[in-house]
């Protein structure tokens, strides 16, 4: 079994996050946090396609 894995990149700054996904990974409204730009974004993932659901506001 040859499972391909890829790093999820931040939709804001484009850097790698700490999350890896496989070809069969499905995520709905996943809160993705970027350690570099310190932003959190809700994403949907299916078959390596990453779609931004909405940008969340930082806590004040």
PDB file of N, CA and C in Angstrom:
ATOM      1  N   UNK A   1       0.852  -1.186   0.000  1.00  0.00           N
ATOM      2  CA  UNK A   1       0.000   0.000   0.000  1.00  0.00           C
ATOM      3  C   UNK A   1       0.886   1.233   0.000  1.00  0.00           C
ATOM      4  N   UNK A   2       0.707   2.067  -0.996  1.00  0.00           N
ATOM      5  CA  UNK A   2       1.511   3.264  -1.152  1.00  0.00           C
ATOM      6  C   UNK A   2       0.643   4.484  -0.856  1.00  0.00           C
ATOM      7  N   UNK A   3       0.725   4.993   0.380  1.00  0.00           N
ATOM      8  CA  UNK A   3      -0.098   6.122   0.790  1.00  0.00           C
ATOM      9  C   UNK A   3       0.716   7.399   0.686  1.00  0.00           C
ATOM     10  N   UNK A   4       0.238   8.329  -0.130  1.00  0.00           N
ATOM     11  CA  UNK A   4       0.911   9.613  -0.317  1.00  0.00           C
ATOM     12  C   UNK A   4       0.454  10.587   0.758  1.00  0.00           C
ATOM     13  N   UNK A   5       1.393  11.254   1.410  1.00  0.00           N
ATOM     14  CA  UNK A   5       1.084  12.235   2.441  1.00  0.00           C
ATOM     15  C   UNK A   5       1.625  13.597   2.013  1.00  0.00           C
ATOM     16  N   UNK A   6       0.895  14.642   2.348  1.00  0.00           N
ATOM     17  CA  UNK A   6       1.332  16.003   2.056  1.00  0.00           C
ATOM     18  C   UNK A   6       1.073  16.891   3.261  1.00  0.00           C
ATOM     19  N   UNK A   7       1.918  17.892   3.435  1.00  0.00           N
ATOM     20  CA  UNK A   7       1.707  18.879   4.482  1.00  0.00           C
ATOM     21  C   UNK A   7       0.583  19.817   4.071  1.00  0.00           C
ATOM     22  N   UNK A   8      -0.234  20.220   5.038  1.00  0.00           N
ATOM     23  CA  UNK A   8      -1.260  21.233   4.785  1.00  0.00           C
ATOM     24  C   UNK A   8      -0.579  22.582   4.892  1.00  0.00           C
ATOM     25  N   UNK A   9      -0.771  23.430   3.883  1.00  0.00           N
ATOM     26  CA  UNK A   9      -0.170  24.757   3.893  1.00  0.00           C
ATOM     27  C   UNK A   9      -1.199  25.780   4.342  1.00  0.00           C
ATOM     28  N   UNK A  10      -0.714  26.792   5.035  1.00  0.00           N
ATOM     29  CA  UNK A  10      -1.573  27.865   5.533  1.00  0.00           C
ATOM     30  C   UNK A  10      -2.142  28.650   4.348  1.00  0.00           C
ATOM     31  N   UNK A  11      -3.473  28.851   4.302  1.00  0.00           N
ATOM     32  CA  UNK A  11      -4.052  29.614   3.197  1.00  0.00           C
ATOM     33  C   UNK A  11      -3.742  31.111   3.281  1.00  0.00           C
ATOM     34  N   UNK A  12      -3.239  31.580   4.423  1.00  0.00           N
ATOM     35  CA  UNK A  12      -2.930  32.999   4.591  1.00  0.00           C
ATOM     36  C   UNK A  12      -1.496  33.317   4.167  1.00  0.00           C
ATOM     37  N   UNK A  13      -0.522  32.586   4.748  1.00  0.00           N
ATOM     38  CA  UNK A  13       0.886  32.896   4.462  1.00  0.00           C
ATOM     39  C   UNK A  13       1.565  31.875   3.548  1.00  0.00           C
ATOM     40  N   UNK A  14       0.959  30.699   3.360  1.00  0.00           N
ATOM     41  CA  UNK A  14       1.516  29.702   2.446  1.00  0.00           C
ATOM     42  C   UNK A  14       2.567  28.787   3.043  1.00  0.00           C
ATOM     43  N   UNK A  15       2.878  28.925   4.325  1.00  0.00           N
ATOM     44  CA  UNK A  15       3.871  28.064   4.960  1.00  0.00           C
ATOM     45  C   UNK A  15       3.248  26.757   5.430  1.00  0.00           C
ATOM     46  N   UNK A  16       4.118  25.741   5.611  1.00  0.00           N
ATOM     47  CA  UNK A  16       3.649  24.448   6.097  1.00  0.00           C
ATOM     48  C   UNK A  16       3.146  24.570   7.528  1.00  0.00           C
ATOM     49  N   UNK A  17       2.076  23.832   7.831  1.00  0.00           N
ATOM     50  CA  UNK A  17       1.569  23.752   9.196  1.00  0.00           C
ATOM     51  C   UNK A  17       2.052  22.439   9.795  1.00  0.00           C
ATOM     52  N   UNK A  18       1.551  22.070  10.948  1.00  0.00           N
ATOM     53  CA  UNK A  18       1.966  20.828  11.602  1.00  0.00           C
ATOM     54  C   UNK A  18       1.057  19.656  11.247  1.00  0.00           C
ATOM     55  N   UNK A  19       0.204  19.825  10.249  1.00  0.00           N
ATOM     56  CA  UNK A  19      -0.793  18.817   9.880  1.00  0.00           C
ATOM     57  C   UNK A  19      -0.404  18.172   8.548  1.00  0.00           C
ATOM     58  N   UNK A  20      -0.444  16.844   8.507  1.00  0.00           N
ATOM     59  CA  UNK A  20      -0.250  16.109   7.261  1.00  0.00           C
ATOM     60  C   UNK A  20      -1.559  15.439   6.893  1.00  0.00           C
ATOM     61  N   UNK A  21      -1.853  15.364   5.597  1.00  0.00           N
ATOM     62  CA  UNK A  21      -3.063  14.693   5.125  1.00  0.00           C
ATOM     63  C   UNK A  21      -2.692  13.642   4.089  1.00  0.00           C
ATOM     64  N   UNK A  22      -3.540  12.630   4.014  1.00  0.00           N
ATOM     65  CA  UNK A  22      -3.383  11.589   3.014  1.00  0.00           C
ATOM     66  C   UNK A  22      -4.460  11.735   1.950  1.00  0.00           C
ATOM     67  N   UNK A  23      -4.375  10.909   0.938  1.00  0.00           N
ATOM     68  CA  UNK A  23      -5.311  10.958  -0.179  1.00  0.00           C
ATOM     69  C   UNK A  23      -6.744  10.677   0.271  1.00  0.00           C
ATOM     70  N   UNK A  24      -6.904   9.885   1.319  1.00  0.00           N
ATOM     71  CA  UNK A  24      -8.239   9.523   1.790  1.00  0.00           C
ATOM     72  C   UNK A  24      -8.706  10.375   2.973  1.00  0.00           C
ATOM     73  N   UNK A  25      -7.972  11.454   3.302  1.00  0.00           N
ATOM     74  CA  UNK A  25      -8.331  12.315   4.433  1.00  0.00           C
ATOM     75  C   UNK A  25      -9.500  13.225   4.072  1.00  0.00           C
ATOM     76  N   UNK A  26     -10.493  13.260   4.963  1.00  0.00           N
ATOM     77  CA  UNK A  26     -11.635  14.166   4.799  1.00  0.00           C
ATOM     78  C   UNK A  26     -11.805  14.934   6.107  1.00  0.00           C
ATOM     79  N   UNK A  27     -11.826  16.270   6.018  1.00  0.00           N
ATOM     80  CA  UNK A  27     -12.031  17.123   7.187  1.00  0.00           C
ATOM     81  C   UNK A  27     -13.117  18.140   6.859  1.00  0.00           C
ATOM     82  N   UNK A  28     -14.015  18.357   7.783  1.00  0.00           N
ATOM     83  CA  UNK A  28     -15.085  19.350   7.631  1.00  0.00           C
ATOM     84  C   UNK A  28     -14.958  20.377   8.747  1.00  0.00           C
ATOM     85  N   UNK A  29     -14.888  21.639   8.398  1.00  0.00           N
ATOM     86  CA  UNK A  29     -14.774  22.750   9.353  1.00  0.00           C
ATOM     87  C   UNK A  29     -13.637  22.514  10.350  1.00  0.00           C
ATOM     88  N   UNK A  30     -12.470  22.175   9.826  1.00  0.00           N
ATOM     89  CA  UNK A  30     -11.297  21.904  10.664  1.00  0.00           C
ATOM     90  C   UNK A  30     -10.611  23.219  11.007  1.00  0.00           C
ATOM     91  N   UNK A  31     -10.366  23.499  12.296  1.00  0.00           N
ATOM     92  CA  UNK A  31      -9.682  24.740  12.679  1.00  0.00           C
ATOM     93  C   UNK A  31      -8.168  24.603  12.508  1.00  0.00           C
ATOM     94  N   UNK A  32      -7.649  25.091  11.397  1.00  0.00           N
ATOM     95  CA  UNK A  32      -6.222  24.999  11.083  1.00  0.00           C
ATOM     96  C   UNK A  32      -5.494  26.194  11.686  1.00  0.00           C
ATOM     97  N   UNK A  33      -4.477  25.924  12.529  1.00  0.00           N
ATOM     98  CA  UNK A  33      -3.678  26.992  13.138  1.00  0.00           C
ATOM     99  C   UNK A  33      -2.304  27.004  12.500  1.00  0.00           C
ATOM    100  N   UNK A  34      -1.848  28.179  12.102  1.00  0.00           N
ATOM    101  CA  UNK A  34      -0.521  28.332  11.521  1.00  0.00           C
ATOM    102  C   UNK A  34       0.433  28.842  12.599  1.00  0.00           C
ATOM    103  N   UNK A  35       1.510  28.081  12.895  1.00  0.00           N
ATOM    104  CA  UNK A  35       2.444  28.520  13.930  1.00  0.00           C
ATOM    105  C   UNK A  35       3.276  29.730  13.518  1.00  0.00           C
ATOM    106  N   UNK A  36       3.372  30.007  12.230  1.00  0.00           N
ATOM    107  CA  UNK A  36       4.185  31.141  11.788  1.00  0.00           C
ATOM    108  C   UNK A  36       3.415  32.457  11.845  1.00  0.00           C
ATOM    109  N   UNK A  37       2.235  32.502  11.207  1.00  0.00           N
ATOM    110  CA  UNK A  37       1.487  33.770  11.176  1.00  0.00           C
ATOM    111  C   UNK A  37       0.486  33.886  12.318  1.00  0.00           C
ATOM    112  N   UNK A  38       0.368  32.812  13.130  1.00  0.00           N
ATOM    113  CA  UNK A  38      -0.493  32.809  14.331  1.00  0.00           C
ATOM    114  C   UNK A  38      -1.973  33.046  14.006  1.00  0.00           C
ATOM    115  N   UNK A  39      -2.402  32.638  12.836  1.00  0.00           N
ATOM    116  CA  UNK A  39      -3.794  32.782  12.430  1.00  0.00           C
ATOM    117  C   UNK A  39      -4.474  31.419  12.432  1.00  0.00           C
ATOM    118  N   UNK A  40      -5.768  31.406  12.733  1.00  0.00           N
ATOM    119  CA  UNK A  40      -6.568  30.187  12.682  1.00  0.00           C
ATOM    120  C   UNK A  40      -7.607  30.349  11.583  1.00  0.00           C
ATOM    121  N   UNK A  41      -7.743  29.330  10.749  1.00  0.00           N
ATOM    122  CA  UNK A  41      -8.659  29.357   9.618  1.00  0.00           C
ATOM    123  C   UNK A  41      -9.454  28.062   9.599  1.00  0.00           C
ATOM    124  N   UNK A  42     -10.749  28.145   9.344  1.00  0.00           N
ATOM    125  CA  UNK A  42     -11.567  26.942   9.181  1.00  0.00           C
ATOM    126  C   UNK A  42     -11.433  26.461   7.745  1.00  0.00           C
ATOM    127  N   UNK A  43     -11.107  25.159   7.582  1.00  0.00           N
ATOM    128  CA  UNK A  43     -10.930  24.606   6.242  1.00  0.00           C
ATOM    129  C   UNK A  43     -11.721  23.316   6.096  1.00  0.00           C
ATOM    130  N   UNK A  44     -12.041  22.990   4.845  1.00  0.00           N
ATOM    131  CA  UNK A  44     -12.565  21.686   4.459  1.00  0.00           C
ATOM    132  C   UNK A  44     -11.509  21.025   3.585  1.00  0.00           C
ATOM    133  N   UNK A  45     -11.271  19.732   3.787  1.00  0.00           N
ATOM    134  CA  UNK A  45     -10.274  18.995   3.010  1.00  0.00           C
ATOM    135  C   UNK A  45     -10.910  17.725   2.480  1.00  0.00           C
ATOM    136  N   UNK A  46     -10.682  17.471   1.192  1.00  0.00           N
ATOM    137  CA  UNK A  46     -11.107  16.211   0.583  1.00  0.00           C
ATOM    138  C   UNK A  46     -10.256  15.962  -0.651  1.00  0.00           C
ATOM    139  N   UNK A  47      -9.559  14.815  -0.676  1.00  0.00           N
ATOM    140  CA  UNK A  47      -8.681  14.427  -1.794  1.00  0.00           C
ATOM    141  C   UNK A  47      -7.654  15.505  -2.115  1.00  0.00           C
ATOM    142  N   UNK A  48      -6.944  15.998  -1.118  1.00  0.00           N
ATOM    143  CA  UNK A  48      -5.901  17.016  -1.222  1.00  0.00           C
ATOM    144  C   UNK A  48      -6.414  18.393  -1.638  1.00  0.00           C
ATOM    145  N   UNK A  49      -7.726  18.568  -1.789  1.00  0.00           N
ATOM    146  CA  UNK A  49      -8.284  19.879  -2.103  1.00  0.00           C
ATOM    147  C   UNK A  49      -8.646  20.579  -0.801  1.00  0.00           C
ATOM    148  N   UNK A  50      -8.057  21.749  -0.593  1.00  0.00           N
ATOM    149  CA  UNK A  50      -8.277  22.506   0.635  1.00  0.00           C
ATOM    150  C   UNK A  50      -9.102  23.742   0.293  1.00  0.00           C
ATOM    151  N   UNK A  51     -10.235  23.881   0.987  1.00  0.00           N
ATOM    152  CA  UNK A  51     -11.138  25.008   0.755  1.00  0.00           C
ATOM    153  C   UNK A  51     -11.333  25.747   2.074  1.00  0.00           C
ATOM    154  N   UNK A  52     -11.153  27.074   2.038  1.00  0.00           N
ATOM    155  CA  UNK A  52     -11.352  27.886   3.233  1.00  0.00           C
ATOM    156  C   UNK A  52     -12.840  28.070   3.459  1.00  0.00           C
ATOM    157  N   UNK A  53     -13.323  27.714   4.659  1.00  0.00           N
ATOM    158  CA  UNK A  53     -14.728  27.866   4.998  1.00  0.00           C
ATOM    159  C   UNK A  53     -14.968  29.318   5.413  1.00  0.00           C
ATOM    160  N   UNK A  54     -14.159  29.799   6.366  1.00  0.00           N
ATOM    161  CA  UNK A  54     -14.227  31.194   6.783  1.00  0.00           C
ATOM    162  C   UNK A  54     -13.000  31.483   7.618  1.00  0.00           C
ATOM    163  N   UNK A  55     -12.615  32.756   7.659  1.00  0.00           N
ATOM    164  CA  UNK A  55     -11.503  33.156   8.515  1.00  0.00           C
ATOM    165  C   UNK A  55     -12.080  33.487   9.879  1.00  0.00           C
ATOM    166  N   UNK A  56     -11.441  32.980  10.926  1.00  0.00           N
ATOM    167  CA  UNK A  56     -11.914  33.283  12.267  1.00  0.00           C
ATOM    168  C   UNK A  56     -11.176  34.498  12.803  1.00  0.00           C
ATOM    169  N   UNK A  57     -11.847  35.276  13.588  1.00  0.00           N
ATOM    170  CA  UNK A  57     -11.254  36.460  14.184  1.00  0.00           C
ATOM    171  C   UNK A  57     -10.412  36.048  15.396  1.00  0.00           C
ATOM    172  N   UNK A  58      -9.273  36.669  15.606  1.00  0.00           N
ATOM    173  CA  UNK A  58      -8.498  36.359  16.808  1.00  0.00           C
ATOM    174  C   UNK A  58      -9.201  36.807  18.067  1.00  0.00           C
ATOM    175  N   UNK A  59      -8.981  36.082  19.147  1.00  0.00           N
ATOM    176  CA  UNK A  59      -9.591  36.453  20.425  1.00  0.00           C
ATOM    177  C   UNK A  59      -8.980  37.759  20.944  1.00  0.00           C
ATOM    178  N   UNK A  60      -9.828  38.640  21.436  1.00  0.00           N
ATOM    179  CA  UNK A  60      -9.344  39.942  21.901  1.00  0.00           C
ATOM    180  C   UNK A  60      -8.883  39.894  23.333  1.00  0.00           C
TER     181      UNK A  60
END
